[in-house]
Amino acid sequence: MAELAGRNASFGLPAVSEPPALVTAAKGTSVLLVGKLFTYFARLGIAVLVGRLLGADQYGLYTLSLTAATVAGSIGVLGLDVTLVRYVSMYRSRGDSARLWGTLQIAAFAGFAALVAGLALFSASDYLAVEVFHDQRLARLFRIASVMVPFMSLIELLAAATRGFKNMQYTVIAQQFAQPTVRMLLLVLMAVTVGLSPDLATLAYVIATIATALLLFYFLHKQFSLRRPWSDGRRETREILAFSFPIYISGVIKDFGSNIQALLLGSMHAAKSVGVYTAAANFNLVGQIFHTSISSASMPILSELHDRGQWRELSRYYQTTAKWTFALNLPMFLIVLLFPTPVLSMFGRGFEKGAGVLIILAWVNVIQTGTGLGGAIIDMTGHSRLKLANTIALISVSVGLNVLLVPGMGMYGAAWAALIASFTLNVARLIEVYVLFRLQPYNWEILKPIGAAIGASLSAWGAYVAVNPLGMYPAFAAGTAALAAIYLSLILLFGLAPDDRVVLATLRRRSAAFWQRARNRGE
């Protein structure tokens, strides 16, 4: 450990003209970010459409059916999603196609577990609906949702393997563009022709999930031919399962814990509470989009940097990405903090009651994005047991707080439980990464987005108050526009760090190349 610490530097890193890891991250993140932003606005549009057509009560039923499928689907992944990213990127970097093929073979066995999980949800649908959630209407929804459970698991595995090859565009096309587009088209078609119901909304999700799984299978085959003899694979079964098992247990616990709010609200309160809470959570997803885009693009990079012992670049990478995730999340956080009621009123009548929930959940995103990629570093450096310990601690805190707070406080209790649990986990990760590697995610550059946020908030509130006599939505639009303009202007005024300029130059080159290809195809 002392040797590792000696090779690290948390401050005062020398300038590097174009750090390879940051350039690679910029390429991967730019692709993922575009896709995730498209997905976010598509899903937000879907949530607004479904919320307005179904109302808070039926929207809550729809949400519970998807939540049950998500929890069941996590069982079938067997922890091999994170494992595939780590080992596929590692074996690809080494040029070891035999072990890479063997790793994919091991992952294929997860399909059986996913099928069992789907059948279990189908068989238990009546019991869950009546005995747990006290609403017979859910039984049919659970049966419909159970069909997509194996495909949800398959998507996670195929996407993870594809990310291991660092070709982020394939997962973006399938998960971020195709899936929400198919869902939206189906929902609009259903709404126009026969009228939307929770059953049909869930069925649209099932069809989109199956289509996405098939598309990802095609993309993986395109990168690494799956038409090869089974015997060509060299399976490091013991090593891979030893790594994946703690992640599997961690993932199941985490997925259950992340959905505990909806499950407890559904069992202890009316479905309407689930609908309002979910609407608030859906809007806050944009903060997670920036964080998960950078994290997903970073995982194979972190694995390679660790495998090569490039600690100086890893330290620099940790600090730069921490600033990116924090700075990109701040504008959306400020919108929620300043204008919660206009935001939730978009979903329809009755949803604005969750304005306070929206604000609390926004703080959850700030904590997560403001503490950097500690979780990804722990995953990609082989500390799967530490990940498991973190998850057990997180879920223990989360479940305990939810059980304590939800019965009396409802959706507000769920939101406070999420905030406290997120703070506990992310502070723990900060400490662990520093103790293990003497790395920390902050330098003086982090003060620039904070200063920009303060100035942008004052300007946005002034614009909102000035336009408010014209109505809530015009005032909301004016405040949001002022916030975005002032925040960006101040960021540029404060100046960009050298690493930021490298990343922006990379993004500009990729953008120019994209439009050039588009023009060539048009000609």
Protein backbone atom coordinates (compact mmCIF):
# COMPACT_ATOMS: atom_id res chain seq x y z
CA MET A 1 0.00 0.00 0.00
CA ALA A 2 2.86 2.36 0.74
CA GLU A 3 4.22 1.72 -2.75
CA LEU A 4 0.86 2.56 -4.26
CA ALA A 5 0.64 5.73 -2.24
CA GLY A 6 4.08 6.75 -3.33
CA ARG A 7 3.09 6.52 -6.99
CA ASN A 8 0.07 8.74 -6.52
CA ALA A 9 -0.24 12.49 -6.59
CA SER A 10 -3.44 14.21 -5.61
CA PHE A 11 -2.26 17.77 -6.23
CA GLY A 12 0.19 19.56 -8.47
CA LEU A 13 0.15 17.13 -11.37
CA PRO A 14 2.30 18.30 -14.27
CA ALA A 15 0.53 19.43 -17.43
CA VAL A 16 0.16 16.92 -20.22
CA SER A 17 -0.82 18.17 -23.65
CA GLU A 18 -3.30 15.44 -24.49
CA PRO A 19 -3.70 12.80 -21.76
CA PRO A 20 -4.83 9.63 -23.58
CA ALA A 21 -7.35 8.64 -20.91
CA LEU A 22 -9.09 12.03 -21.00
CA VAL A 23 -9.24 12.01 -24.79
CA THR A 24 -10.72 8.51 -24.78
CA ALA A 25 -13.16 9.52 -22.07
CA ALA A 26 -14.21 12.57 -24.06
CA LYS A 27 -14.93 10.40 -27.07
CA GLY A 28 -16.90 7.82 -25.09
CA THR A 29 -18.65 10.35 -22.92
CA SER A 30 -19.70 12.53 -25.85
CA VAL A 31 -21.40 9.57 -27.50
CA LEU A 32 -23.04 8.39 -24.29
CA LEU A 33 -24.07 11.88 -23.26
CA VAL A 34 -25.84 12.62 -26.54
CA GLY A 35 -27.65 9.31 -26.28
CA LYS A 36 -28.57 9.71 -22.64
CA LEU A 37 -29.83 13.25 -23.16
CA PHE A 38 -32.03 11.99 -25.98
CA THR A 39 -33.22 9.18 -23.70
CA TYR A 40 -33.86 11.56 -20.85
CA PHE A 41 -36.05 13.90 -22.85
CA ALA A 42 -37.78 10.96 -24.55
CA ARG A 43 -38.50 9.33 -21.19
CA LEU A 44 -39.56 12.65 -19.73
CA GLY A 45 -41.93 13.05 -22.65
CA ILE A 46 -43.17 9.50 -22.08
CA ALA A 47 -43.67 10.19 -18.37
CA VAL A 48 -45.58 13.40 -19.09
CA LEU A 49 -47.70 11.66 -21.75
CA VAL A 50 -48.49 8.64 -19.59
CA GLY A 51 -49.01 10.78 -16.48
CA ARG A 52 -51.46 13.09 -18.21
CA LEU A 53 -53.39 10.29 -19.92
CA LEU A 54 -53.53 7.88 -16.97
CA GLY A 55 -53.49 10.22 -13.96
CA ALA A 56 -51.40 9.83 -10.82
CA ASP A 57 -53.22 6.68 -9.62
CA GLN A 58 -52.88 4.58 -12.77
CA TYR A 59 -49.43 5.99 -13.44
CA GLY A 60 -48.49 4.60 -10.03
CA LEU A 61 -49.78 1.14 -11.01
CA TYR A 62 -47.77 1.27 -14.23
CA THR A 63 -44.67 2.27 -12.26
CA LEU A 64 -45.08 -0.59 -9.80
CA SER A 65 -45.25 -3.15 -12.61
CA LEU A 66 -42.00 -1.84 -14.10
CA THR A 67 -40.38 -1.73 -10.67
CA ALA A 68 -41.22 -5.40 -10.07
CA ALA A 69 -39.73 -6.34 -13.44
CA THR A 70 -36.58 -4.32 -12.73
CA VAL A 71 -35.99 -6.04 -9.39
CA ALA A 72 -36.57 -9.47 -10.95
CA GLY A 73 -34.30 -8.63 -13.88
CA SER A 74 -31.42 -7.73 -11.58
CA ILE A 75 -31.40 -11.32 -10.34
CA GLY A 76 -30.66 -12.66 -13.80
CA VAL A 77 -27.61 -10.48 -14.41
CA LEU A 78 -25.59 -12.44 -11.82
CA GLY A 79 -23.18 -9.54 -11.33
CA LEU A 80 -21.68 -10.19 -14.75
CA ASP A 81 -22.43 -6.73 -16.16
CA VAL A 82 -19.60 -5.02 -14.27
CA THR A 83 -17.49 -8.16 -14.70
CA LEU A 84 -17.86 -8.06 -18.47
CA VAL A 85 -16.74 -4.43 -18.69
CA ARG A 86 -13.65 -5.17 -16.63
CA TYR A 87 -12.56 -8.44 -18.25
CA VAL A 88 -13.57 -7.73 -21.84
CA SER A 89 -11.65 -4.43 -21.81
CA MET A 90 -8.69 -6.10 -20.11
CA TYR A 91 -8.50 -9.10 -22.47
CA ARG A 92 -9.12 -6.90 -25.51
CA SER A 93 -6.23 -4.67 -24.45
CA ARG A 94 -4.00 -7.74 -24.11
CA GLY A 95 -5.17 -9.21 -27.43
CA ASP A 96 -6.31 -12.40 -25.68
CA SER A 97 -9.31 -13.45 -27.81
CA ALA A 98 -9.50 -16.93 -26.27
CA ARG A 99 -10.10 -15.61 -22.75
CA LEU A 100 -12.40 -12.91 -24.10
CA TRP A 101 -14.55 -15.57 -25.80
CA GLY A 102 -14.48 -17.65 -22.63
CA THR A 103 -15.68 -14.66 -20.59
CA LEU A 104 -18.66 -14.21 -22.93
CA GLN A 105 -19.44 -17.91 -22.60
CA ILE A 106 -19.61 -17.62 -18.82
CA ALA A 107 -21.94 -14.64 -19.15
CA ALA A 108 -24.25 -16.65 -21.41
CA PHE A 109 -25.28 -18.83 -18.48
CA ALA A 110 -26.93 -15.83 -16.85
CA GLY A 111 -29.78 -16.24 -19.35
CA PHE A 112 -31.08 -19.23 -17.42
CA ALA A 113 -31.23 -17.28 -14.18
CA ALA A 114 -33.06 -14.44 -15.94
CA LEU A 115 -35.64 -16.84 -17.34
CA VAL A 116 -36.25 -18.30 -13.89
CA ALA A 117 -36.68 -14.80 -12.45
CA GLY A 118 -39.28 -13.94 -15.10
CA LEU A 119 -41.23 -17.13 -14.45
CA ALA A 120 -41.12 -16.43 -10.72
CA LEU A 121 -42.67 -12.98 -11.20
CA PHE A 122 -45.36 -14.44 -13.47
CA SER A 123 -46.23 -17.17 -10.95
CA ALA A 124 -46.30 -14.79 -7.97
CA SER A 125 -48.29 -12.03 -9.70
CA ASP A 126 -51.60 -12.69 -7.91
CA TYR A 127 -49.98 -13.05 -4.50
CA LEU A 128 -47.94 -9.87 -4.89
CA ALA A 129 -50.94 -7.88 -6.12
CA VAL A 130 -53.34 -8.93 -3.37
CA GLU A 131 -51.19 -9.72 -0.36
CA VAL A 132 -48.36 -7.21 -0.74
CA PHE A 133 -49.80 -4.23 -2.63
CA HIS A 134 -53.49 -4.80 -1.86
CA ASP A 135 -54.60 -3.98 -5.40
CA GLN A 136 -55.90 -6.74 -7.68
CA ARG A 137 -55.37 -4.50 -10.73
CA LEU A 138 -51.63 -5.12 -10.44
CA ALA A 139 -51.84 -8.88 -11.07
CA ARG A 140 -52.36 -8.53 -14.81
CA LEU A 141 -49.67 -5.84 -15.04
CA PHE A 142 -47.16 -8.06 -13.25
CA ARG A 143 -47.84 -10.90 -15.70
CA ILE A 144 -47.30 -8.63 -18.68
CA ALA A 145 -44.11 -7.17 -17.20
CA SER A 146 -42.70 -10.64 -16.41
CA VAL A 147 -42.24 -11.29 -20.14
CA MET A 148 -39.51 -8.67 -20.40
CA VAL A 149 -37.49 -9.78 -17.35
CA PRO A 150 -35.10 -12.12 -19.29
CA PHE A 151 -34.63 -9.47 -21.97
CA MET A 152 -33.85 -6.77 -19.39
CA SER A 153 -31.05 -8.96 -18.03
CA LEU A 154 -29.82 -9.72 -21.54
CA ILE A 155 -29.66 -6.01 -22.34
CA GLU A 156 -27.45 -5.31 -19.33
CA LEU A 157 -25.04 -8.12 -20.25
CA LEU A 158 -24.83 -7.29 -23.95
CA ALA A 159 -24.39 -3.58 -23.24
CA ALA A 160 -21.64 -4.30 -20.71
CA ALA A 161 -19.75 -6.51 -23.17
CA THR A 162 -20.07 -3.85 -25.86
CA ARG A 163 -18.76 -1.13 -23.52
CA GLY A 164 -15.77 -3.34 -22.82
CA PHE A 165 -14.76 -2.86 -26.46
CA LYS A 166 -14.99 0.94 -25.92
CA ASN A 167 -17.49 1.25 -28.76
CA MET A 168 -20.01 3.32 -26.86
CA GLN A 169 -21.96 4.26 -29.97
CA TYR A 170 -23.52 0.80 -30.22
CA THR A 171 -25.03 0.86 -26.74
CA VAL A 172 -26.18 4.42 -27.37
CA ILE A 173 -27.97 3.48 -30.58
CA ALA A 174 -29.72 0.51 -28.98
CA GLN A 175 -30.43 1.67 -25.43
CA GLN A 176 -30.54 5.43 -25.74
CA PHE A 177 -32.15 5.92 -29.15
CA ALA A 178 -33.95 2.78 -30.28
CA GLN A 179 -35.58 1.76 -26.99
CA PRO A 180 -37.21 5.09 -26.03
CA THR A 181 -38.14 5.81 -29.66
CA VAL A 182 -39.97 2.50 -30.02
CA ARG A 183 -41.71 3.09 -26.68
CA MET A 184 -42.83 6.58 -27.64
CA LEU A 185 -44.12 5.51 -31.05
CA LEU A 186 -46.06 2.62 -29.56
CA LEU A 187 -47.55 4.78 -26.80
CA VAL A 188 -48.67 7.45 -29.26
CA LEU A 189 -50.13 4.82 -31.59
CA MET A 190 -52.02 3.20 -28.73
CA ALA A 191 -53.25 6.53 -27.38
CA VAL A 192 -54.56 7.61 -30.80
CA THR A 193 -56.16 4.32 -31.84
CA VAL A 194 -57.56 2.53 -28.79
CA GLY A 195 -56.75 4.78 -25.83
CA LEU A 196 -53.93 4.31 -23.36
CA SER A 197 -54.23 2.08 -20.30
CA PRO A 198 -51.67 0.78 -17.78
CA ASP A 199 -51.76 -2.62 -19.54
CA LEU A 200 -50.95 -1.14 -22.95
CA ALA A 201 -48.29 1.20 -21.52
CA THR A 202 -46.56 -1.81 -19.92
CA LEU A 203 -46.88 -3.81 -23.15
CA ALA A 204 -45.16 -0.99 -25.06
CA TYR A 205 -42.24 -1.24 -22.64
CA VAL A 206 -42.06 -5.03 -23.18
CA ILE A 207 -41.91 -4.72 -26.97
CA ALA A 208 -39.26 -1.98 -26.83
CA THR A 209 -37.15 -4.08 -24.44
CA ILE A 210 -37.20 -7.13 -26.70
CA ALA A 211 -36.25 -5.03 -29.74
CA THR A 212 -33.33 -3.48 -27.83
CA ALA A 213 -31.96 -6.85 -26.75
CA LEU A 214 -31.97 -8.13 -30.33
CA LEU A 215 -30.23 -5.00 -31.59
CA LEU A 216 -27.50 -5.21 -28.95
CA PHE A 217 -26.90 -8.87 -29.81
CA TYR A 218 -26.31 -7.84 -33.42
CA PHE A 219 -23.90 -5.08 -32.39
CA LEU A 220 -21.86 -7.38 -30.14
CA HIS A 221 -21.57 -9.91 -32.95
CA LYS A 222 -20.42 -7.10 -35.25
CA GLN A 223 -17.50 -6.27 -32.90
CA PHE A 224 -16.56 -9.80 -31.93
CA SER A 225 -17.86 -12.64 -34.08
CA LEU A 226 -19.92 -15.05 -32.01
CA ARG A 227 -19.78 -17.63 -34.80
CA ARG A 228 -16.77 -19.48 -33.49
CA PRO A 229 -16.27 -22.89 -31.92
CA TRP A 230 -17.25 -23.11 -28.28
CA SER A 231 -14.00 -24.94 -27.62
CA ASP A 232 -11.96 -21.89 -28.68
CA GLY A 233 -12.86 -20.15 -25.44
CA ARG A 234 -10.56 -20.22 -22.45
CA ARG A 235 -12.73 -19.73 -19.40
CA GLU A 236 -11.24 -18.32 -16.21
CA THR A 237 -14.38 -19.43 -14.41
CA ARG A 238 -13.14 -19.40 -10.85
CA GLU A 239 -11.54 -15.96 -11.11
CA ILE A 240 -14.52 -14.40 -12.90
CA LEU A 241 -17.14 -15.89 -10.59
CA ALA A 242 -15.10 -14.93 -7.53
CA PHE A 243 -15.09 -11.37 -8.83
CA SER A 244 -18.73 -11.32 -9.94
CA PHE A 245 -20.40 -13.01 -6.96
CA PRO A 246 -19.94 -10.10 -4.52
CA ILE A 247 -21.03 -7.75 -7.31
CA TYR A 248 -24.07 -9.94 -7.95
CA ILE A 249 -25.16 -9.88 -4.32
CA SER A 250 -24.38 -6.18 -4.25
CA GLY A 251 -26.39 -5.55 -7.42
CA VAL A 252 -29.46 -7.45 -6.24
CA ILE A 253 -29.41 -5.66 -2.91
CA LYS A 254 -28.80 -2.32 -4.60
CA ASP A 255 -31.60 -2.75 -7.13
CA PHE A 256 -33.98 -3.79 -4.41
CA GLY A 257 -32.87 -0.89 -2.26
CA SER A 258 -33.12 1.67 -5.06
CA ASN A 259 -36.69 0.56 -5.67
CA ILE A 260 -37.64 0.20 -2.01
CA GLN A 261 -39.33 3.61 -2.01
CA ALA A 262 -41.81 2.63 -4.73
CA LEU A 263 -42.37 -0.80 -3.22
CA LEU A 264 -43.05 0.52 0.28
CA LEU A 265 -45.17 3.40 -0.97
CA GLY A 266 -47.19 0.93 -3.03
CA SER A 267 -47.72 -1.42 -0.11
CA MET A 268 -48.33 1.19 2.63
CA HIS A 269 -49.90 4.08 0.72
CA ALA A 270 -52.07 4.63 -2.33
CA ALA A 271 -50.71 4.07 -5.84
CA LYS A 272 -51.07 7.83 -6.35
CA SER A 273 -48.11 8.42 -4.00
CA VAL A 274 -46.00 6.13 -6.17
CA GLY A 275 -47.01 8.10 -9.25
CA VAL A 276 -46.10 11.50 -7.77
CA TYR A 277 -42.81 10.23 -6.31
CA THR A 278 -41.85 8.61 -9.63
CA ALA A 279 -42.61 11.80 -11.55
CA ALA A 280 -40.27 13.73 -9.26
CA ALA A 281 -37.59 11.07 -9.60
CA ASN A 282 -37.94 11.00 -13.40
CA PHE A 283 -37.27 14.71 -13.73
CA ASN A 284 -34.19 14.43 -11.53
CA LEU A 285 -32.74 11.73 -13.78
CA VAL A 286 -30.91 14.30 -15.88
CA GLY A 287 -28.33 14.76 -13.13
CA GLN A 288 -27.67 11.03 -13.16
CA ILE A 289 -27.38 11.07 -16.95
CA PHE A 290 -24.23 13.20 -16.91
CA HIS A 291 -22.73 11.15 -14.10
CA THR A 292 -23.53 7.73 -15.58
CA SER A 293 -22.37 8.80 -19.06
CA ILE A 294 -18.94 9.73 -17.75
CA SER A 295 -18.86 6.73 -15.41
CA SER A 296 -19.80 4.24 -18.15
CA ALA A 297 -17.20 5.66 -20.54
CA SER A 298 -14.62 5.66 -17.73
CA MET A 299 -14.95 2.09 -16.49
CA PRO A 300 -12.80 0.38 -19.17
CA ILE A 301 -10.34 3.29 -18.97
CA LEU A 302 -10.01 2.96 -15.20
CA SER A 303 -9.52 -0.78 -15.57
CA GLU A 304 -6.67 -0.30 -18.05
CA LEU A 305 -4.98 2.50 -16.09
CA HIS A 306 -5.02 0.34 -12.98
CA ASP A 307 -3.84 -2.74 -14.86
CA ARG A 308 -0.89 -0.75 -16.28
CA GLY A 309 -0.07 0.97 -13.00
CA GLN A 310 -0.51 4.47 -14.43
CA TRP A 311 -1.33 6.09 -11.10
CA ARG A 312 -0.44 9.67 -11.99
CA GLU A 313 -2.84 9.70 -14.93
CA LEU A 314 -5.48 7.95 -12.86
CA SER A 315 -5.26 10.67 -10.22
CA ARG A 316 -5.59 13.41 -12.80
CA TYR A 317 -8.47 11.58 -14.46
CA TYR A 318 -10.31 11.25 -11.13
CA GLN A 319 -10.16 14.99 -10.45
CA THR A 320 -11.09 16.13 -13.94
CA THR A 321 -14.11 13.85 -14.25
CA ALA A 322 -15.30 14.89 -10.78
CA LYS A 323 -15.42 18.50 -11.93
CA TRP A 324 -17.21 17.53 -15.15
CA THR A 325 -19.98 15.58 -13.42
CA PHE A 326 -20.49 18.29 -10.81
CA ALA A 327 -20.48 21.20 -13.26
CA LEU A 328 -22.84 19.50 -15.71
CA ASN A 329 -25.35 18.64 -12.99
CA LEU A 330 -25.51 22.06 -11.33
CA PRO A 331 -27.84 23.83 -13.82
CA MET A 332 -30.55 21.18 -13.53
CA PHE A 333 -30.20 21.18 -9.76
CA LEU A 334 -30.73 24.95 -9.72
CA ILE A 335 -33.82 24.67 -11.93
CA VAL A 336 -35.35 22.18 -9.49
CA LEU A 337 -34.33 24.21 -6.46
CA LEU A 338 -35.80 27.47 -7.81
CA PHE A 339 -38.85 26.25 -9.76
CA PRO A 340 -40.16 22.92 -8.34
CA THR A 341 -43.88 23.61 -8.77
CA PRO A 342 -43.77 24.55 -12.48
CA VAL A 343 -41.64 21.49 -13.14
CA LEU A 344 -44.05 18.97 -11.61
CA SER A 345 -47.18 20.64 -12.92
CA MET A 346 -46.11 19.50 -16.40
CA PHE A 347 -47.12 15.95 -15.47
CA GLY A 348 -50.73 16.95 -14.83
CA ARG A 349 -53.07 17.86 -12.01
CA GLY A 350 -52.12 16.50 -8.60
CA PHE A 351 -48.41 15.97 -9.31
CA GLU A 352 -47.37 19.41 -8.02
CA LYS A 353 -47.91 18.13 -4.47
CA GLY A 354 -44.51 16.50 -4.74
CA ALA A 355 -42.55 19.76 -5.12
CA GLY A 356 -40.74 19.24 -1.83
CA VAL A 357 -39.89 15.66 -2.83
CA LEU A 358 -38.40 16.98 -6.07
CA ILE A 359 -36.08 19.32 -4.16
CA ILE A 360 -34.90 16.62 -1.76
CA LEU A 361 -34.15 14.22 -4.61
CA ALA A 362 -32.21 16.98 -6.39
CA TRP A 363 -29.85 17.11 -3.41
CA VAL A 364 -29.32 13.35 -3.82
CA ASN A 365 -27.99 14.02 -7.33
CA VAL A 366 -25.70 16.81 -6.13
CA ILE A 367 -24.11 14.51 -3.57
CA GLN A 368 -23.66 11.70 -6.07
CA THR A 369 -22.21 13.82 -8.85
CA GLY A 370 -20.17 16.00 -6.52
CA THR A 371 -18.14 13.12 -5.10
CA GLY A 372 -16.68 11.82 -8.36
CA LEU A 373 -16.14 8.32 -9.73
CA GLY A 374 -15.23 6.62 -6.47
CA GLY A 375 -17.66 3.77 -7.07
CA ALA A 376 -16.30 3.09 -10.56
CA ILE A 377 -12.71 3.14 -9.25
CA ILE A 378 -13.57 0.59 -6.58
CA ASP A 379 -15.28 -1.62 -9.18
CA MET A 380 -12.55 -1.44 -11.81
CA THR A 381 -9.62 -1.99 -9.44
CA GLY A 382 -10.92 -5.39 -8.39
CA HIS A 383 -12.35 -4.51 -4.97
CA SER A 384 -15.65 -6.33 -5.49
CA ARG A 385 -15.88 -7.34 -1.84
CA LEU A 386 -15.59 -3.73 -0.78
CA LYS A 387 -18.37 -2.90 -3.24
CA LEU A 388 -20.50 -5.59 -1.62
CA ALA A 389 -19.78 -4.21 1.86
CA ASN A 390 -20.70 -0.71 0.69
CA THR A 391 -23.93 -1.93 -0.83
CA ILE A 392 -24.94 -3.88 2.26
CA ALA A 393 -24.29 -0.81 4.40
CA LEU A 394 -26.20 1.40 1.96
CA ILE A 395 -29.23 -0.85 1.78
CA SER A 396 -29.26 -1.38 5.53
CA VAL A 397 -29.42 2.38 6.02
CA SER A 398 -31.89 2.86 3.16
CA VAL A 399 -34.29 0.09 4.12
CA GLY A 400 -34.14 0.99 7.80
CA LEU A 401 -34.89 4.64 7.10
CA ASN A 402 -37.65 3.81 4.63
CA VAL A 403 -39.34 1.43 7.05
CA LEU A 404 -39.05 4.10 9.75
CA LEU A 405 -40.10 7.15 7.70
CA VAL A 406 -42.44 6.01 4.90
CA PRO A 407 -45.40 4.85 7.06
CA GLY A 408 -45.78 8.26 8.66
CA MET A 409 -44.30 10.65 6.07
CA GLY A 410 -45.17 8.86 2.83
CA MET A 411 -43.26 10.04 -0.23
CA TYR A 412 -41.42 12.71 1.80
CA GLY A 413 -40.11 9.99 4.10
CA ALA A 414 -38.91 8.04 1.04
CA ALA A 415 -37.11 11.12 -0.29
CA TRP A 416 -35.36 11.85 3.02
CA ALA A 417 -34.30 8.21 3.28
CA ALA A 418 -32.78 8.41 -0.21
CA LEU A 419 -30.87 11.58 0.69
CA ILE A 420 -29.37 10.25 3.91
CA ALA A 421 -28.44 6.91 2.31
CA SER A 422 -26.78 8.63 -0.67
CA PHE A 423 -24.75 10.89 1.61
CA THR A 424 -23.58 7.89 3.65
CA LEU A 425 -22.49 5.84 0.64
CA ASN A 426 -20.71 8.59 -1.28
CA VAL A 427 -18.77 9.91 1.69
CA ALA A 428 -17.71 6.32 2.44
CA ARG A 429 -16.45 5.94 -1.15
CA LEU A 430 -14.44 9.15 -0.89
CA ILE A 431 -12.71 7.86 2.22
CA GLU A 432 -12.12 4.37 0.82
CA VAL A 433 -10.54 5.54 -2.44
CA TYR A 434 -8.25 7.87 -0.52
CA VAL A 435 -7.20 5.16 1.95
CA LEU A 436 -6.61 2.59 -0.79
CA PHE A 437 -4.84 4.75 -3.38
CA ARG A 438 -4.27 8.19 -1.82
CA LEU A 439 -6.55 9.67 -4.49
CA GLN A 440 -9.11 12.41 -3.97
CA PRO A 441 -11.37 14.09 -6.55
CA TYR A 442 -10.94 17.78 -5.76
CA ASN A 443 -8.70 20.66 -6.72
CA TRP A 444 -9.21 24.42 -6.86
CA GLU A 445 -10.98 24.16 -10.23
CA ILE A 446 -14.12 22.90 -8.45
CA LEU A 447 -14.76 26.46 -7.18
CA LYS A 448 -15.47 27.76 -10.69
CA PRO A 449 -18.82 25.97 -11.22
CA ILE A 450 -19.83 26.85 -7.64
CA GLY A 451 -19.25 30.55 -8.30
CA ALA A 452 -21.08 30.33 -11.62
CA ALA A 453 -24.02 28.63 -9.91
CA ILE A 454 -24.40 31.43 -7.37
CA GLY A 455 -24.45 34.15 -10.03
CA ALA A 456 -26.80 32.17 -12.29
CA SER A 457 -29.26 31.53 -9.44
CA LEU A 458 -29.61 35.22 -8.63
CA SER A 459 -30.16 36.09 -12.29
CA ALA A 460 -32.67 33.28 -12.82
CA TRP A 461 -34.77 34.24 -9.82
CA GLY A 462 -34.79 37.88 -10.89
CA ALA A 463 -36.02 36.90 -14.37
CA TYR A 464 -38.71 34.64 -12.88
CA VAL A 465 -40.04 37.38 -10.60
CA ALA A 466 -40.00 39.95 -13.41
CA VAL A 467 -42.01 37.77 -15.82
CA ASN A 468 -44.27 36.14 -13.20
CA PRO A 469 -47.22 38.54 -13.83
CA LEU A 470 -47.57 36.94 -17.29
CA GLY A 471 -48.08 33.49 -15.79
CA MET A 472 -46.19 30.61 -14.18
CA TYR A 473 -44.97 28.95 -17.39
CA PRO A 474 -43.65 32.13 -19.10
CA ALA A 475 -41.87 32.99 -15.85
CA PHE A 476 -40.44 29.47 -15.67
CA ALA A 477 -39.18 29.70 -19.26
CA ALA A 478 -37.59 33.11 -18.61
CA GLY A 479 -35.91 31.96 -15.40
CA THR A 480 -34.55 28.79 -17.01
CA ALA A 481 -33.18 30.68 -20.02
CA ALA A 482 -31.49 33.27 -17.78
CA LEU A 483 -29.97 30.56 -15.62
CA ALA A 484 -28.49 28.67 -18.58
CA ALA A 485 -27.09 31.80 -20.23
CA ILE A 486 -25.49 33.27 -17.10
CA TYR A 487 -24.10 29.94 -15.91
CA LEU A 488 -22.39 29.23 -19.23
CA SER A 489 -21.12 32.80 -19.50
CA LEU A 490 -19.57 32.72 -16.04
CA ILE A 491 -17.96 29.33 -16.64
CA LEU A 492 -16.27 30.76 -19.73
CA LEU A 493 -15.38 33.98 -17.93
CA PHE A 494 -13.65 32.10 -15.11
CA GLY A 495 -11.57 30.26 -17.70
CA LEU A 496 -11.14 26.63 -18.70
CA ALA A 497 -8.44 24.36 -17.33
CA PRO A 498 -5.95 22.77 -19.77
CA ASP A 499 -7.63 19.37 -19.43
CA ASP A 500 -11.01 20.94 -20.23
CA ARG A 501 -9.57 22.46 -23.40
CA VAL A 502 -8.23 19.07 -24.46
CA VAL A 503 -11.65 17.52 -24.00
CA LEU A 504 -13.47 20.34 -25.82
CA ALA A 505 -11.01 20.14 -28.70
CA THR A 506 -11.69 16.42 -28.94
CA LEU A 507 -15.44 17.01 -28.92
CA ARG A 508 -15.14 19.67 -31.61
CA ARG A 509 -13.12 17.33 -33.83
CA ARG A 510 -15.67 14.55 -33.39
CA SER A 511 -18.54 16.94 -34.08
CA ALA A 512 -16.88 18.27 -37.23
CA ALA A 513 -16.18 14.74 -38.44
CA PHE A 514 -19.79 13.74 -37.78
CA TRP A 515 -21.23 16.63 -39.78
CA GLN A 516 -18.72 16.08 -42.58
CA ARG A 517 -19.83 12.45 -42.87
CA ALA A 518 -23.45 13.63 -42.84
CA ARG A 519 -22.76 16.10 -45.67
CA ASN A 520 -20.94 13.45 -47.68
CA ARG A 521 -23.87 11.07 -47.35
CA GLY A 522 -26.24 13.88 -48.39
CA GLU A 523 -24.23 14.51 -51.53
